[in-house]
């Protein structure tokens, strides 16, 4: 991901984020599976328990968090981009960053995935996947295996074959894994509420 480079620290953030979304160097994607196994997984998936459908086709991920949402999260800088969070498909995304002079530097990346639902994460590869609920919607918490200092993401089932994917990325090692995951879930909760007002 290419980000606005307003300081050396945010430049480091850009490099770190690039590793998380480019498909190499830590991209949070599941292990490669055969087309047959993907078809089988999709065909046997249980019906979703989501309380409603939120189709995200054509929505602007940079509008997924309002000014008030960003105030709650402590972010002030936004950067629109195309991410590779789902292998083989470009996904509209927006990164929300803390501003210059912030005591802690971190970001929330909001991805509106229309090519794969949250079952995509069932083949976890180098990831740990935990079942969650966000505002009543089925979700999966996604973290890297063997580390507690990188990031945490939450994938929310918003519609058939679609997901809201929110990643919390701290810069520095003073944020616990639990806090990262709480922050990712909070970002997803706020984005879910806002996305329902955009259509």
C-alpha atoms as a PDB file:
ATOM      1  CA  UNK A   1       0.000   0.000   0.000  1.00  0.00           C
ATOM      2  CA  UNK A   2       1.321   3.441  -0.853  1.00  0.00           C
ATOM      3  CA  UNK A   3       0.622   5.965   1.854  1.00  0.00           C
ATOM      4  CA  UNK A   4       1.100   9.703   2.327  1.00  0.00           C
ATOM      5  CA  UNK A   5       4.635  10.034   3.673  1.00  0.00           C
ATOM      6  CA  UNK A   6       4.438  12.965   6.060  1.00  0.00           C
ATOM      7  CA  UNK A   7       7.182  11.649   8.342  1.00  0.00           C
ATOM      8  CA  UNK A   8       9.816   8.962   8.568  1.00  0.00           C
ATOM      9  CA  UNK A   9       7.564   6.994  10.882  1.00  0.00           C
ATOM     10  CA  UNK A  10       4.686   6.983   8.411  1.00  0.00           C
ATOM     11  CA  UNK A  11       7.129   6.034   5.674  1.00  0.00           C
ATOM     12  CA  UNK A  12       7.946   2.998   7.802  1.00  0.00           C
ATOM     13  CA  UNK A  13       4.211   2.379   8.126  1.00  0.00           C
ATOM     14  CA  UNK A  14       3.899   2.409   4.335  1.00  0.00           C
ATOM     15  CA  UNK A  15       6.629  -0.209   4.005  1.00  0.00           C
ATOM     16  CA  UNK A  16       5.043  -2.371   6.675  1.00  0.00           C
ATOM     17  CA  UNK A  17       1.610  -2.090   5.108  1.00  0.00           C
ATOM     18  CA  UNK A  18       3.058  -3.000   1.724  1.00  0.00           C
ATOM     19  CA  UNK A  19       4.205  -6.265   3.262  1.00  0.00           C
ATOM     20  CA  UNK A  20       0.703  -6.956   4.519  1.00  0.00           C
ATOM     21  CA  UNK A  21      -1.166  -6.455   1.286  1.00  0.00           C
ATOM     22  CA  UNK A  22       1.076  -7.079  -1.688  1.00  0.00           C
ATOM     23  CA  UNK A  23       0.814 -10.876  -1.670  1.00  0.00           C
ATOM     24  CA  UNK A  24       4.369 -11.285  -0.390  1.00  0.00           C
ATOM     25  CA  UNK A  25       6.208 -10.682   2.855  1.00  0.00           C
ATOM     26  CA  UNK A  26       3.308 -11.343   5.220  1.00  0.00           C
ATOM     27  CA  UNK A  27       0.192 -10.881   3.124  1.00  0.00           C
ATOM     28  CA  UNK A  28      -2.670 -12.176   5.286  1.00  0.00           C
ATOM     29  CA  UNK A  29      -3.965 -14.653   2.717  1.00  0.00           C
ATOM     30  CA  UNK A  30      -4.778 -18.323   3.192  1.00  0.00           C
ATOM     31  CA  UNK A  31      -2.642 -21.120   1.812  1.00  0.00           C
ATOM     32  CA  UNK A  32      -3.115 -21.791  -1.884  1.00  0.00           C
ATOM     33  CA  UNK A  33      -5.751 -24.441  -2.496  1.00  0.00           C
ATOM     34  CA  UNK A  34      -6.946 -26.207  -5.601  1.00  0.00           C
ATOM     35  CA  UNK A  35      -9.979 -24.991  -7.494  1.00  0.00           C
ATOM     36  CA  UNK A  36     -11.746 -28.223  -6.575  1.00  0.00           C
ATOM     37  CA  UNK A  37     -11.213 -27.746  -2.847  1.00  0.00           C
ATOM     38  CA  UNK A  38     -12.382 -24.128  -3.027  1.00  0.00           C
ATOM     39  CA  UNK A  39     -15.523 -25.234  -4.847  1.00  0.00           C
ATOM     40  CA  UNK A  40     -16.146 -27.923  -2.256  1.00  0.00           C
ATOM     41  CA  UNK A  41     -15.760 -25.470   0.632  1.00  0.00           C
ATOM     42  CA  UNK A  42     -18.131 -23.002  -0.987  1.00  0.00           C
ATOM     43  CA  UNK A  43     -20.708 -25.650  -1.781  1.00  0.00           C
ATOM     44  CA  UNK A  44     -20.821 -27.011   1.758  1.00  0.00           C
ATOM     45  CA  UNK A  45     -20.852 -23.688   3.615  1.00  0.00           C
ATOM     46  CA  UNK A  46     -23.730 -23.297   6.059  1.00  0.00           C
ATOM     47  CA  UNK A  47     -26.272 -20.529   5.463  1.00  0.00           C
ATOM     48  CA  UNK A  48     -25.163 -17.215   6.935  1.00  0.00           C
ATOM     49  CA  UNK A  49     -26.613 -15.982  10.215  1.00  0.00           C
ATOM     50  CA  UNK A  50     -26.061 -12.334   9.319  1.00  0.00           C
ATOM     51  CA  UNK A  51     -28.926 -10.098  10.531  1.00  0.00           C
ATOM     52  CA  UNK A  52     -29.155  -8.374   7.138  1.00  0.00           C
ATOM     53  CA  UNK A  53     -27.308  -8.070   3.847  1.00  0.00           C
ATOM     54  CA  UNK A  54     -24.999  -5.102   3.290  1.00  0.00           C
ATOM     55  CA  UNK A  55     -23.908  -5.188  -0.339  1.00  0.00           C
ATOM     56  CA  UNK A  56     -20.642  -3.263  -0.700  1.00  0.00           C
ATOM     57  CA  UNK A  57     -20.433  -3.183  -4.516  1.00  0.00           C
ATOM     58  CA  UNK A  58     -19.397   0.263  -5.666  1.00  0.00           C
ATOM     59  CA  UNK A  59     -19.124   1.752  -2.173  1.00  0.00           C
ATOM     60  CA  UNK A  60     -16.225   4.060  -1.313  1.00  0.00           C
ATOM     61  CA  UNK A  61     -14.144   2.535   1.510  1.00  0.00           C
ATOM     62  CA  UNK A  62     -12.925   6.019   2.466  1.00  0.00           C
ATOM     63  CA  UNK A  63     -16.540   6.840   3.397  1.00  0.00           C
ATOM     64  CA  UNK A  64     -16.826   3.754   5.610  1.00  0.00           C
ATOM     65  CA  UNK A  65     -15.669   5.775   8.623  1.00  0.00           C
ATOM     66  CA  UNK A  66     -17.285   9.143   9.292  1.00  0.00           C
ATOM     67  CA  UNK A  67     -15.489  12.140  10.775  1.00  0.00           C
ATOM     68  CA  UNK A  68     -16.962  11.204  14.145  1.00  0.00           C
ATOM     69  CA  UNK A  69     -15.809   7.592  13.706  1.00  0.00           C
ATOM     70  CA  UNK A  70     -12.300   8.795  12.946  1.00  0.00           C
ATOM     71  CA  UNK A  71     -12.350  11.027  16.004  1.00  0.00           C
ATOM     72  CA  UNK A  72     -13.215   7.985  18.133  1.00  0.00           C
ATOM     73  CA  UNK A  73     -10.420   5.972  16.535  1.00  0.00           C
ATOM     74  CA  UNK A  74      -7.865   8.801  16.626  1.00  0.00           C
ATOM     75  CA  UNK A  75      -7.191   8.907  12.880  1.00  0.00           C
ATOM     76  CA  UNK A  76      -6.937  12.022  10.723  1.00  0.00           C
ATOM     77  CA  UNK A  77      -5.244  11.008   7.451  1.00  0.00           C
ATOM     78  CA  UNK A  78      -6.927   8.906   4.727  1.00  0.00           C
ATOM     79  CA  UNK A  79      -5.447   7.236   1.669  1.00  0.00           C
ATOM     80  CA  UNK A  80      -7.487   5.411  -0.974  1.00  0.00           C
ATOM     81  CA  UNK A  81      -5.865   2.417  -2.653  1.00  0.00           C
ATOM     82  CA  UNK A  82      -6.361  -0.975  -4.277  1.00  0.00           C
ATOM     83  CA  UNK A  83      -5.284  -3.865  -2.073  1.00  0.00           C
ATOM     84  CA  UNK A  84      -4.423  -7.526  -2.601  1.00  0.00           C
ATOM     85  CA  UNK A  85      -5.959  -8.707   0.674  1.00  0.00           C
ATOM     86  CA  UNK A  86      -7.809 -11.404  -1.288  1.00  0.00           C
ATOM     87  CA  UNK A  87      -5.482 -13.278  -3.600  1.00  0.00           C
ATOM     88  CA  UNK A  88      -6.170 -12.829  -7.295  1.00  0.00           C
ATOM     89  CA  UNK A  89      -8.467  -9.819  -7.015  1.00  0.00           C
ATOM     90  CA  UNK A  90      -7.927  -6.101  -6.490  1.00  0.00           C
ATOM     91  CA  UNK A  91     -10.009  -4.786  -3.622  1.00  0.00           C
ATOM     92  CA  UNK A  92     -11.029  -1.154  -2.985  1.00  0.00           C
ATOM     93  CA  UNK A  93      -9.488  -0.106   0.312  1.00  0.00           C
ATOM     94  CA  UNK A  94      -8.814   2.947   2.418  1.00  0.00           C
ATOM     95  CA  UNK A  95      -6.211   3.416   5.124  1.00  0.00           C
ATOM     96  CA  UNK A  96      -7.003   5.722   8.037  1.00  0.00           C
ATOM     97  CA  UNK A  97      -3.864   6.939   9.833  1.00  0.00           C
ATOM     98  CA  UNK A  98      -2.974   8.883  12.930  1.00  0.00           C
ATOM     99  CA  UNK A  99      -1.664  12.375  12.189  1.00  0.00           C
ATOM    100  CA  UNK A 100       1.715  14.067  12.557  1.00  0.00           C
ATOM    101  CA  UNK A 101       2.837  14.364  16.160  1.00  0.00           C
ATOM    102  CA  UNK A 102       0.590  11.556  17.420  1.00  0.00           C
ATOM    103  CA  UNK A 103       1.930   9.887  20.565  1.00  0.00           C
ATOM    104  CA  UNK A 104       1.161   6.489  19.012  1.00  0.00           C
ATOM    105  CA  UNK A 105       1.239   5.795  15.279  1.00  0.00           C
ATOM    106  CA  UNK A 106      -1.214   3.253  13.900  1.00  0.00           C
ATOM    107  CA  UNK A 107      -3.662   2.705  11.086  1.00  0.00           C
ATOM    108  CA  UNK A 108      -6.994   1.111  10.276  1.00  0.00           C
ATOM    109  CA  UNK A 109      -7.287  -0.336   6.772  1.00  0.00           C
ATOM    110  CA  UNK A 110     -10.841  -0.854   5.513  1.00  0.00           C
ATOM    111  CA  UNK A 111     -11.262  -3.248   2.570  1.00  0.00           C
ATOM    112  CA  UNK A 112     -14.596  -3.802   0.799  1.00  0.00           C
ATOM    113  CA  UNK A 113     -14.227  -7.270  -0.721  1.00  0.00           C
ATOM    114  CA  UNK A 114     -16.746  -8.278  -3.396  1.00  0.00           C
ATOM    115  CA  UNK A 115     -14.925 -11.315  -4.822  1.00  0.00           C
ATOM    116  CA  UNK A 116     -14.898 -13.659  -1.792  1.00  0.00           C
ATOM    117  CA  UNK A 117     -16.928 -14.105   1.385  1.00  0.00           C
ATOM    118  CA  UNK A 118     -15.429 -14.836   4.790  1.00  0.00           C
ATOM    119  CA  UNK A 119     -15.218 -18.562   3.981  1.00  0.00           C
ATOM    120  CA  UNK A 120     -12.123 -17.512   2.027  1.00  0.00           C
ATOM    121  CA  UNK A 121     -10.286 -17.557   5.379  1.00  0.00           C
ATOM    122  CA  UNK A 122     -11.195 -21.167   6.180  1.00  0.00           C
ATOM    123  CA  UNK A 123      -7.924 -22.362   4.587  1.00  0.00           C
ATOM    124  CA  UNK A 124      -5.818 -20.480   7.077  1.00  0.00           C
ATOM    125  CA  UNK A 125      -2.271 -21.269   5.926  1.00  0.00           C
ATOM    126  CA  UNK A 126       0.059 -19.178   8.095  1.00  0.00           C
ATOM    127  CA  UNK A 127      -2.851 -17.542   9.929  1.00  0.00           C
ATOM    128  CA  UNK A 128      -4.797 -18.145  13.103  1.00  0.00           C
ATOM    129  CA  UNK A 129      -8.550 -17.798  12.542  1.00  0.00           C
ATOM    130  CA  UNK A 130     -11.082 -17.322  15.345  1.00  0.00           C
ATOM    131  CA  UNK A 131     -14.854 -17.151  14.998  1.00  0.00           C
ATOM    132  CA  UNK A 132     -16.302 -13.818  16.151  1.00  0.00           C
ATOM    133  CA  UNK A 133     -19.450 -11.702  16.051  1.00  0.00           C
ATOM    134  CA  UNK A 134     -19.399  -8.009  15.177  1.00  0.00           C
ATOM    135  CA  UNK A 135     -22.686  -6.175  15.771  1.00  0.00           C
ATOM    136  CA  UNK A 136     -24.482  -9.489  15.325  1.00  0.00           C
ATOM    137  CA  UNK A 137     -22.735 -10.318  12.028  1.00  0.00           C
ATOM    138  CA  UNK A 138     -20.656 -13.517  11.684  1.00  0.00           C
ATOM    139  CA  UNK A 139     -16.976 -12.634  11.523  1.00  0.00           C
ATOM    140  CA  UNK A 140     -13.514 -14.134  11.606  1.00  0.00           C
ATOM    141  CA  UNK A 141     -10.567 -12.728  13.532  1.00  0.00           C
ATOM    142  CA  UNK A 142      -7.365 -13.072  11.511  1.00  0.00           C
ATOM    143  CA  UNK A 143      -3.860 -12.980  13.015  1.00  0.00           C
ATOM    144  CA  UNK A 144      -0.465 -14.288  11.970  1.00  0.00           C
ATOM    145  CA  UNK A 145       0.678 -17.556  13.542  1.00  0.00           C
ATOM    146  CA  UNK A 146       3.678 -17.374  15.839  1.00  0.00           C
ATOM    147  CA  UNK A 147       3.577 -13.643  16.540  1.00  0.00           C
ATOM    148  CA  UNK A 148       1.609 -11.243  18.700  1.00  0.00           C
ATOM    149  CA  UNK A 149       3.208  -7.989  17.577  1.00  0.00           C
ATOM    150  CA  UNK A 150       2.234  -7.517  13.913  1.00  0.00           C
ATOM    151  CA  UNK A 151      -1.452  -6.728  13.478  1.00  0.00           C
ATOM    152  CA  UNK A 152      -4.978  -8.050  13.818  1.00  0.00           C
ATOM    153  CA  UNK A 153      -7.785  -8.107  11.266  1.00  0.00           C
ATOM    154  CA  UNK A 154     -11.500  -8.836  11.345  1.00  0.00           C
ATOM    155  CA  UNK A 155     -13.425 -10.160   8.335  1.00  0.00           C
ATOM    156  CA  UNK A 156     -17.188  -9.598   8.562  1.00  0.00           C
ATOM    157  CA  UNK A 157     -19.817 -11.496   6.559  1.00  0.00           C
ATOM    158  CA  UNK A 158     -21.852  -8.672   4.974  1.00  0.00           C
ATOM    159  CA  UNK A 159     -23.442 -10.430   1.968  1.00  0.00           C
ATOM    160  CA  UNK A 160     -23.118 -13.608  -0.089  1.00  0.00           C
ATOM    161  CA  UNK A 161     -19.582 -13.674  -1.491  1.00  0.00           C
ATOM    162  CA  UNK A 162     -18.690 -10.334   0.115  1.00  0.00           C
ATOM    163  CA  UNK A 163     -16.897  -9.214   3.240  1.00  0.00           C
ATOM    164  CA  UNK A 164     -15.814  -6.163   5.157  1.00  0.00           C
ATOM    165  CA  UNK A 165     -12.162  -6.656   6.117  1.00  0.00           C
ATOM    166  CA  UNK A 166     -10.710  -4.268   8.709  1.00  0.00           C
ATOM    167  CA  UNK A 167      -7.048  -4.402   9.707  1.00  0.00           C
ATOM    168  CA  UNK A 168      -5.511  -2.641  12.708  1.00  0.00           C
ATOM    169  CA  UNK A 169      -1.775  -2.075  12.345  1.00  0.00           C
ATOM    170  CA  UNK A 170       0.297  -0.467  15.117  1.00  0.00           C
ATOM    171  CA  UNK A 171       3.734   0.966  14.420  1.00  0.00           C
ATOM    172  CA  UNK A 172       5.919  -0.154  17.301  1.00  0.00           C
ATOM    173  CA  UNK A 173       5.748  -3.093  19.674  1.00  0.00           C
ATOM    174  CA  UNK A 174       3.914  -1.584  22.636  1.00  0.00           C
ATOM    175  CA  UNK A 175       0.414  -2.778  21.638  1.00  0.00           C
ATOM    176  CA  UNK A 176      -0.796  -6.163  22.836  1.00  0.00           C
ATOM    177  CA  UNK A 177      -2.476  -8.662  20.511  1.00  0.00           C
ATOM    178  CA  UNK A 178      -5.714  -8.381  22.503  1.00  0.00           C
ATOM    179  CA  UNK A 179      -5.711  -4.601  22.090  1.00  0.00           C
ATOM    180  CA  UNK A 180      -5.016  -4.891  18.356  1.00  0.00           C
ATOM    181  CA  UNK A 181      -7.951  -7.270  17.933  1.00  0.00           C
ATOM    182  CA  UNK A 182     -10.248  -5.094  20.043  1.00  0.00           C
ATOM    183  CA  UNK A 183      -9.297  -2.123  17.874  1.00  0.00           C
ATOM    184  CA  UNK A 184      -9.885  -4.056  14.641  1.00  0.00           C
ATOM    185  CA  UNK A 185     -13.306  -5.152  15.900  1.00  0.00           C
ATOM    186  CA  UNK A 186     -14.158  -1.571  16.916  1.00  0.00           C
ATOM    187  CA  UNK A 187     -13.167  -0.295  13.477  1.00  0.00           C
ATOM    188  CA  UNK A 188     -15.313  -2.994  11.856  1.00  0.00           C
ATOM    189  CA  UNK A 189     -18.274  -2.146  14.105  1.00  0.00           C
ATOM    190  CA  UNK A 190     -18.112   1.543  13.184  1.00  0.00           C
ATOM    191  CA  UNK A 191     -17.666   0.771   9.481  1.00  0.00           C
ATOM    192  CA  UNK A 192     -20.633  -1.618   9.512  1.00  0.00           C
ATOM    193  CA  UNK A 193     -22.898   1.080  10.936  1.00  0.00           C
ATOM    194  CA  UNK A 194     -21.750   3.634   8.367  1.00  0.00           C
ATOM    195  CA  UNK A 195     -21.900   1.290   5.350  1.00  0.00           C
ATOM    196  CA  UNK A 196     -25.608   0.727   6.012  1.00  0.00           C
ATOM    197  CA  UNK A 197     -26.218   4.442   5.432  1.00  0.00           C
ATOM    198  CA  UNK A 198     -24.360   4.647   2.105  1.00  0.00           C
ATOM    199  CA  UNK A 199     -26.992   2.893  -0.045  1.00  0.00           C
END
